[in-house]
Amino acid sequence: MDRAPGPSVRAKLTLSYAGFIMLAGALLLAAVWLFLLRYVPSRALLVDADTTGTGVFPVRSELLRVFAPRAAAVFAGLLVFGLVGGWFLAGRMLAPLTRITDATRLATGGSLSHRIRLPGRGDEFRELADVFDGMLERLEAHVGEQRRFAANASHELRTPLAVSKALLDVARRDPAAAPDDLLDRLSAVNTRAIALTEALLLLSRAESFTPEPVDLSLLAEEATETLLPLAEGRGVTVETTGDIAPALGSPALLLQLTTNLVQNAIVHNLPEGGTVRVTTSAHPAAAVLTVENTGALISPGVSATLTEPFRRGTDRLRGDHAGAGLGLAIVSTITRAHAGTLTLTPRAGGGLRVRVELPYGDQISKS
């Protein structure tokens, strides 16, 4: 935004300090006139020779003649003192703001690693500097995460394209190859690329939605019914229990969250005879959705990284549901968008327990 040039804040403060000093001097002179000079006679007094007491009786005009030049000199001194002292004090007071401005310019230029770290005791400027440092820290982390995400997304999208190119090159060199097999493999690769693209689009839109009342128990039932054929094909039993769990959010996003959790629990399970338990409950402060499954042992260190984009477990590339590594990343993003909390806990006997807590309507509206 273009603005017309104007006086600096330091100049304004300097003029303000000088103005206050001049006003204080004027008030002092007014007090002198009011309480002293008004009682001085304006004409000479005749004193009776027989009266006691000696001395000089000053005349008001004579006092003013002597006092006025000195008062003007004092006023000039106050003006110079106010301007010089005000300029110095304003500079000292605005020094923290200068450091904040320099840090802002660096951040605008793309340098997010700089921190102000303003020393001294707490005041308004230092509080602003601390808040700005916190904002820079979050921005740096967010930008770093976005760069890693973009790099991973480019790599993941390049993989199916490279596979498709390789299949087409093989078919071009070998015209006698079975076209049905080529079409099936190209279709599988294309399906994976479409699923990955849709997941990326969902991640980009997960932060914007219109909150509506929603019941997590109904979403859990809908997700399990949709994924029941997948569970039966893998020999996995899905159990859905729980109470009504009202929350406020996007029904479509929360259904996607529930579907991702149940699908992950089914796919990353025991080869045969595995179990998935989906439970909903209403707590005093939040609605809770819990999905746990049987499966291989998972260390706490590995479970803490499963919500990172494109993070895959050891068995994530097997079978017809080789994921894009975005299932739990989408769950994490949707949970944050609903001001909720996501907790992943390895089960002692193998498998994973995922707990999603979503605040009630009045709490998410305040967040």
Protein backbone atom coordinates (compact mmCIF):
# COMPACT_ATOMS: atom_id res chain seq x y z
CA MET A 1 0.00 0.00 0.00
CA ASP A 2 1.52 3.32 -1.13
CA ARG A 3 1.42 6.10 1.45
CA ALA A 4 2.48 9.72 1.32
CA PRO A 5 5.68 10.39 3.29
CA GLY A 6 5.18 11.84 6.76
CA PRO A 7 7.13 12.64 9.92
CA SER A 8 8.65 9.72 11.76
CA VAL A 9 7.35 8.47 15.08
CA ARG A 10 10.59 9.63 16.70
CA ALA A 11 10.03 13.18 15.40
CA LYS A 12 6.45 13.14 16.62
CA LEU A 13 7.49 11.96 20.07
CA THR A 14 10.25 14.59 20.17
CA LEU A 15 7.81 17.37 19.36
CA SER A 16 5.40 15.97 21.93
CA TYR A 17 8.05 15.96 24.66
CA ALA A 18 9.14 19.52 23.77
CA GLY A 19 5.53 20.67 23.66
CA PHE A 20 4.81 19.26 27.10
CA ILE A 21 7.89 20.96 28.53
CA MET A 22 6.89 24.29 26.98
CA LEU A 23 3.37 23.86 28.32
CA ALA A 24 4.76 23.13 31.78
CA GLY A 25 6.89 26.31 31.58
CA ALA A 26 3.89 28.38 30.50
CA LEU A 27 1.86 27.02 33.39
CA LEU A 28 4.71 27.88 35.77
CA LEU A 29 4.81 31.48 34.52
CA ALA A 30 1.04 31.70 34.81
CA ALA A 31 1.32 30.54 38.40
CA VAL A 32 3.98 33.18 39.07
CA TRP A 33 1.73 35.89 37.64
CA LEU A 34 -1.32 34.65 39.48
CA PHE A 35 0.21 34.19 42.90
CA LEU A 36 3.03 36.77 42.90
CA LEU A 37 2.97 39.58 40.38
CA ARG A 38 -0.71 40.36 40.81
CA TYR A 39 0.02 41.42 44.40
CA VAL A 40 2.81 43.80 43.37
CA PRO A 41 1.47 47.38 43.12
CA SER A 42 1.36 48.87 39.67
CA ARG A 43 2.29 52.39 40.98
CA ALA A 44 4.88 53.70 43.41
CA LEU A 45 3.80 53.94 47.03
CA LEU A 46 4.42 56.92 49.30
CA VAL A 47 5.62 55.86 52.69
CA ASP A 48 5.06 58.07 55.75
CA ALA A 49 8.35 59.01 57.32
CA ASP A 50 6.94 58.30 60.80
CA THR A 51 6.07 54.70 59.93
CA THR A 52 8.39 51.97 60.92
CA GLY A 53 9.94 49.71 58.35
CA THR A 54 12.30 50.44 55.58
CA GLY A 55 12.90 48.98 52.21
CA VAL A 56 12.05 49.26 48.56
CA PHE A 57 8.56 48.82 47.21
CA PRO A 58 8.88 47.35 43.71
CA VAL A 59 6.64 48.44 40.89
CA ARG A 60 4.95 45.79 38.69
CA SER A 61 6.07 47.34 35.38
CA GLU A 62 9.67 47.44 36.55
CA LEU A 63 9.54 43.78 37.60
CA LEU A 64 8.06 42.78 34.26
CA ARG A 65 10.73 44.71 32.39
CA VAL A 66 13.45 42.84 34.26
CA PHE A 67 11.68 39.45 34.35
CA ALA A 68 10.42 39.17 30.73
CA PRO A 69 13.83 38.79 28.97
CA ARG A 70 14.94 36.22 31.49
CA ALA A 71 11.68 34.31 31.12
CA ALA A 72 12.11 34.30 27.32
CA ALA A 73 15.65 32.96 27.73
CA VAL A 74 14.37 30.24 30.03
CA PHE A 75 11.67 29.36 27.48
CA ALA A 76 14.28 29.09 24.71
CA GLY A 77 16.39 26.86 26.94
CA LEU A 78 13.38 24.68 27.73
CA LEU A 79 12.63 24.35 24.00
CA VAL A 80 16.19 23.28 23.17
CA PHE A 81 16.27 20.93 26.16
CA GLY A 82 12.90 19.44 25.18
CA LEU A 83 13.91 18.86 21.57
CA VAL A 84 17.33 17.35 22.34
CA GLY A 85 16.16 15.34 25.33
CA GLY A 86 12.99 14.25 23.55
CA TRP A 87 14.96 13.09 20.50
CA PHE A 88 17.31 11.07 22.69
CA LEU A 89 14.54 9.56 24.84
CA ALA A 90 12.40 8.74 21.80
CA GLY A 91 15.34 6.96 20.22
CA ARG A 92 15.90 4.91 23.36
CA MET A 93 12.22 4.05 23.64
CA LEU A 94 11.87 3.10 19.96
CA ALA A 95 15.07 1.05 19.73
CA PRO A 96 13.19 -2.25 20.34
CA LEU A 97 10.70 -1.30 17.63
CA THR A 98 13.60 -0.78 15.22
CA ARG A 99 14.85 -4.31 15.90
CA ILE A 100 11.34 -5.68 15.35
CA THR A 101 11.10 -3.76 12.07
CA ASP A 102 14.47 -5.11 10.89
CA ALA A 103 13.36 -8.66 11.73
CA THR A 104 10.13 -8.08 9.81
CA ARG A 105 12.08 -6.96 6.74
CA LEU A 106 14.24 -10.08 6.94
CA ALA A 107 11.14 -12.26 7.24
CA THR A 108 9.56 -10.48 4.28
CA GLY A 109 12.69 -11.27 2.27
CA GLY A 110 12.31 -14.97 3.07
CA SER A 111 14.66 -15.33 6.05
CA LEU A 112 12.57 -17.00 8.75
CA SER A 113 15.48 -18.25 10.87
CA HIS A 114 16.17 -14.79 12.37
CA ARG A 115 14.92 -14.17 15.92
CA ILE A 116 14.67 -10.85 17.77
CA ARG A 117 15.29 -12.20 21.30
CA LEU A 118 14.83 -8.76 22.85
CA PRO A 119 16.63 -8.57 26.24
CA GLY A 120 15.35 -6.83 29.35
CA ARG A 121 12.29 -7.02 31.53
CA GLY A 122 8.84 -7.50 30.15
CA ASP A 123 6.96 -4.57 28.63
CA GLU A 124 4.78 -3.96 25.58
CA PHE A 125 7.68 -4.00 23.11
CA ARG A 126 9.21 -7.15 24.57
CA GLU A 127 5.84 -8.87 24.59
CA LEU A 128 5.45 -7.94 20.91
CA ALA A 129 8.96 -9.23 20.17
CA ASP A 130 8.28 -12.54 21.94
CA VAL A 131 5.01 -12.99 20.03
CA PHE A 132 6.79 -12.17 16.78
CA ASP A 133 9.55 -14.69 17.55
CA GLY A 134 6.91 -17.33 18.20
CA MET A 135 5.19 -16.48 14.92
CA LEU A 136 8.50 -16.74 13.04
CA GLU A 137 9.19 -20.10 14.65
CA ARG A 138 5.78 -21.45 13.62
CA LEU A 139 6.14 -20.01 10.12
CA GLU A 140 9.58 -21.56 9.71
CA ALA A 141 8.27 -24.94 10.81
CA HIS A 142 5.22 -24.62 8.56
CA VAL A 143 7.26 -23.59 5.52
CA GLY A 144 9.72 -26.40 6.15
CA GLU A 145 6.85 -28.85 6.41
CA GLN A 146 5.31 -27.55 3.20
CA ARG A 147 8.63 -27.83 1.37
CA ARG A 148 9.10 -31.41 2.54
CA PHE A 149 5.51 -32.15 1.62
CA ALA A 150 5.93 -30.66 -1.86
CA ALA A 151 9.14 -32.64 -2.39
CA ASN A 152 7.52 -35.87 -1.24
CA ALA A 153 4.39 -35.21 -3.29
CA SER A 154 6.49 -34.60 -6.41
CA HIS A 155 8.35 -37.83 -5.78
CA GLU A 156 5.16 -39.80 -5.18
CA LEU A 157 3.46 -38.40 -8.28
CA ARG A 158 6.54 -39.03 -10.38
CA THR A 159 6.54 -42.73 -9.48
CA PRO A 160 3.27 -43.74 -11.22
CA LEU A 161 4.14 -41.55 -14.19
CA ALA A 162 7.54 -43.23 -14.50
CA VAL A 163 5.92 -46.66 -14.23
CA SER A 164 3.39 -45.76 -16.92
CA LYS A 165 6.17 -44.55 -19.21
CA ALA A 166 8.14 -47.73 -18.62
CA LEU A 167 5.11 -49.90 -19.44
CA LEU A 168 4.44 -47.95 -22.61
CA ASP A 169 8.10 -48.21 -23.65
CA VAL A 170 8.01 -51.98 -23.15
CA ALA A 171 4.80 -52.26 -25.16
CA ARG A 172 6.30 -50.14 -27.96
CA ARG A 173 9.39 -52.35 -28.14
CA ASP A 174 7.32 -55.55 -27.98
CA PRO A 175 4.16 -55.15 -30.06
CA ALA A 176 3.34 -58.81 -29.52
CA ALA A 177 2.90 -58.36 -25.75
CA ALA A 178 -0.56 -59.09 -24.35
CA PRO A 179 -2.53 -55.82 -24.43
CA ASP A 180 -4.88 -56.90 -21.64
CA ASP A 181 -2.04 -57.31 -19.18
CA LEU A 182 -0.64 -53.91 -20.17
CA LEU A 183 -4.04 -52.27 -19.78
CA ASP A 184 -4.55 -53.86 -16.36
CA ARG A 185 -1.19 -52.64 -15.10
CA LEU A 186 -1.72 -49.17 -16.55
CA SER A 187 -5.16 -49.04 -14.95
CA ALA A 188 -3.71 -49.97 -11.55
CA VAL A 189 -1.01 -47.33 -11.85
CA ASN A 190 -3.53 -44.73 -13.00
CA THR A 191 -5.86 -45.60 -10.13
CA ARG A 192 -3.06 -45.09 -7.63
CA ALA A 193 -2.14 -41.73 -9.20
CA ILE A 194 -5.78 -40.59 -9.05
CA ALA A 195 -6.08 -41.68 -5.42
CA LEU A 196 -2.90 -39.80 -4.54
CA THR A 197 -4.10 -36.65 -6.33
CA GLU A 198 -7.46 -36.79 -4.58
CA ALA A 199 -5.72 -37.21 -1.23
CA LEU A 200 -3.55 -34.16 -1.92
CA LEU A 201 -6.62 -32.11 -2.85
CA LEU A 202 -8.38 -33.24 0.31
CA LEU A 203 -5.40 -32.18 2.39
CA SER A 204 -5.44 -28.72 0.81
CA ARG A 205 -9.17 -28.26 1.50
CA ALA A 206 -9.29 -29.74 4.98
CA GLU A 207 -8.76 -26.39 6.72
CA SER A 208 -11.88 -24.74 5.27
CA PHE A 209 -15.39 -25.95 6.08
CA THR A 210 -18.72 -24.86 7.54
CA PRO A 211 -19.31 -26.53 10.95
CA GLU A 212 -22.46 -28.59 11.33
CA PRO A 213 -23.77 -30.88 14.10
CA VAL A 214 -22.57 -34.43 13.53
CA ASP A 215 -22.73 -37.75 15.40
CA LEU A 216 -19.49 -39.74 15.32
CA SER A 217 -21.34 -43.00 16.05
CA LEU A 218 -23.33 -42.69 12.80
CA LEU A 219 -20.17 -41.92 10.84
CA ALA A 220 -18.48 -44.98 12.37
CA GLU A 221 -21.37 -47.21 11.29
CA GLU A 222 -21.36 -45.78 7.77
CA ALA A 223 -17.60 -46.21 7.39
CA THR A 224 -17.61 -49.81 8.63
CA GLU A 225 -20.52 -50.76 6.35
CA THR A 226 -18.69 -49.28 3.36
CA LEU A 227 -15.47 -51.14 4.18
CA LEU A 228 -17.07 -54.42 5.21
CA PRO A 229 -16.32 -56.13 1.85
CA LEU A 230 -12.65 -55.18 2.21
CA ALA A 231 -12.58 -56.61 5.75
CA GLU A 232 -14.30 -59.85 4.68
CA GLY A 233 -11.89 -60.27 1.78
CA ARG A 234 -8.97 -60.05 4.20
CA GLY A 235 -10.51 -62.19 6.91
CA VAL A 236 -10.73 -59.28 9.37
CA THR A 237 -13.59 -58.89 11.83
CA VAL A 238 -14.88 -55.35 12.41
CA GLU A 239 -16.68 -54.56 15.67
CA THR A 240 -18.51 -51.25 16.08
CA THR A 241 -19.81 -50.25 19.50
CA GLY A 242 -20.35 -47.11 21.51
CA ASP A 243 -22.70 -44.35 22.45
CA ILE A 244 -23.94 -41.29 20.66
CA ALA A 245 -20.97 -38.90 20.29
CA PRO A 246 -22.17 -35.45 19.15
CA ALA A 247 -19.63 -33.01 17.74
CA LEU A 248 -19.51 -29.96 15.49
CA GLY A 249 -17.67 -30.03 12.19
CA SER A 250 -17.77 -31.08 8.58
CA PRO A 251 -19.69 -34.34 8.09
CA ALA A 252 -17.81 -35.08 4.85
CA LEU A 253 -14.37 -34.50 6.38
CA LEU A 254 -15.16 -36.42 9.56
CA LEU A 255 -16.53 -39.30 7.47
CA GLN A 256 -13.26 -39.27 5.52
CA LEU A 257 -11.35 -39.28 8.81
CA THR A 258 -13.32 -42.27 10.10
CA THR A 259 -13.04 -44.13 6.79
CA ASN A 260 -9.27 -43.63 6.67
CA LEU A 261 -8.85 -44.93 10.21
CA VAL A 262 -11.00 -48.01 9.64
CA GLN A 263 -9.38 -48.76 6.27
CA ASN A 264 -5.88 -48.46 7.73
CA ALA A 265 -6.89 -50.72 10.60
CA ILE A 266 -8.16 -53.33 8.14
CA VAL A 267 -5.27 -53.18 5.69
CA HIS A 268 -2.50 -53.13 8.30
CA ASN A 269 -3.76 -56.10 10.25
CA LEU A 270 -3.03 -59.78 10.64
CA PRO A 271 -3.09 -61.80 7.40
CA GLU A 272 -6.02 -63.85 8.71
CA GLY A 273 -8.25 -63.62 11.75
CA GLY A 274 -7.48 -60.01 12.61
CA THR A 275 -9.83 -57.72 14.50
CA VAL A 276 -10.77 -54.04 14.22
CA ARG A 277 -12.69 -52.36 17.04
CA VAL A 278 -14.39 -49.02 16.44
CA THR A 279 -15.74 -47.29 19.56
CA THR A 280 -17.43 -43.92 20.09
CA SER A 281 -18.14 -42.22 23.40
CA ALA A 282 -19.18 -38.85 24.79
CA HIS A 283 -16.99 -37.34 27.49
CA PRO A 284 -17.60 -34.15 29.53
CA ALA A 285 -15.33 -32.08 27.28
CA ALA A 286 -15.17 -33.94 23.97
CA ALA A 287 -16.60 -36.59 21.67
CA VAL A 288 -14.19 -39.50 21.27
CA LEU A 289 -13.64 -41.91 18.38
CA THR A 290 -11.31 -44.85 19.00
CA VAL A 291 -10.12 -47.30 16.33
CA GLU A 292 -7.79 -50.14 17.27
CA ASN A 293 -6.61 -53.20 15.43
CA THR A 294 -4.51 -56.30 15.84
CA GLY A 295 -1.32 -56.62 13.85
CA ALA A 296 2.44 -56.47 14.04
CA LEU A 297 4.24 -54.93 16.98
CA ILE A 298 4.86 -51.19 16.54
CA SER A 299 7.42 -49.25 18.53
CA PRO A 300 6.45 -45.89 20.09
CA GLY A 301 9.03 -44.16 17.90
CA VAL A 302 7.45 -45.49 14.72
CA SER A 303 3.89 -44.69 15.84
CA ALA A 304 4.88 -41.08 16.51
CA THR A 305 5.85 -40.64 12.85
CA LEU A 306 2.88 -42.34 11.18
CA THR A 307 0.96 -39.07 10.78
CA GLU A 308 3.73 -37.54 8.66
CA PRO A 309 2.84 -37.31 4.95
CA PHE A 310 4.02 -40.26 2.84
CA ARG A 311 5.14 -42.15 5.92
CA ARG A 312 4.56 -45.87 5.36
CA GLY A 313 4.86 -48.82 7.68
CA THR A 314 6.65 -51.99 6.72
CA ASP A 315 3.57 -53.58 5.14
CA ARG A 316 2.09 -50.58 3.41
CA LEU A 317 3.11 -51.58 -0.08
CA ARG A 318 1.61 -55.01 -0.20
CA GLY A 319 -1.59 -56.12 -1.83
CA ASP A 320 -4.20 -54.22 -3.80
CA HIS A 321 -4.48 -51.42 -1.29
CA ALA A 322 -0.96 -50.06 -1.34
CA GLY A 323 -1.54 -46.69 0.23
CA ALA A 324 -0.11 -43.37 -0.81
CA GLY A 325 1.12 -42.72 2.71
CA LEU A 326 -1.43 -39.95 3.29
CA GLY A 327 -4.16 -41.77 5.23
CA LEU A 328 -3.09 -40.79 8.73
CA ALA A 329 -1.72 -37.46 7.50
CA ILE A 330 -5.24 -36.61 6.31
CA VAL A 331 -6.64 -37.78 9.65
CA SER A 332 -4.18 -35.51 11.48
CA THR A 333 -5.02 -32.51 9.29
CA ILE A 334 -8.78 -32.97 9.68
CA THR A 335 -8.40 -33.36 13.45
CA ARG A 336 -6.40 -30.13 13.73
CA ALA A 337 -8.95 -28.31 11.57
CA HIS A 338 -11.63 -29.36 14.09
CA ALA A 339 -9.50 -28.20 17.06
CA GLY A 340 -9.23 -31.82 18.20
CA THR A 341 -6.42 -34.06 19.38
CA LEU A 342 -5.07 -37.23 17.76
CA THR A 343 -3.28 -39.89 19.81
CA LEU A 344 -1.57 -42.99 18.39
CA THR A 345 -0.65 -45.68 20.91
CA PRO A 346 0.93 -49.07 20.07
CA ARG A 347 -0.96 -52.01 21.57
CA ALA A 348 0.95 -54.38 23.81
CA GLY A 349 -0.10 -57.41 21.78
CA GLY A 350 0.54 -55.79 18.41
CA GLY A 351 -1.38 -53.34 16.33
CA LEU A 352 -2.30 -49.73 16.94
CA ARG A 353 -4.88 -47.77 18.92
CA VAL A 354 -5.91 -44.41 17.44
CA ARG A 355 -7.95 -42.00 19.56
CA VAL A 356 -9.55 -38.86 18.16
CA GLU A 357 -11.03 -36.30 20.56
CA LEU A 358 -13.22 -33.55 19.11
CA PRO A 359 -14.49 -30.70 21.31
CA TYR A 360 -18.17 -29.91 21.53
CA GLY A 361 -19.73 -27.14 19.50
CA ASP A 362 -19.28 -24.28 21.97
CA GLN A 363 -15.60 -25.11 22.39
CA ILE A 364 -14.69 -25.41 18.72
CA SER A 365 -16.45 -22.13 17.98
CA LYS A 366 -14.21 -20.37 20.51
CA SER A 367 -10.98 -21.93 19.26
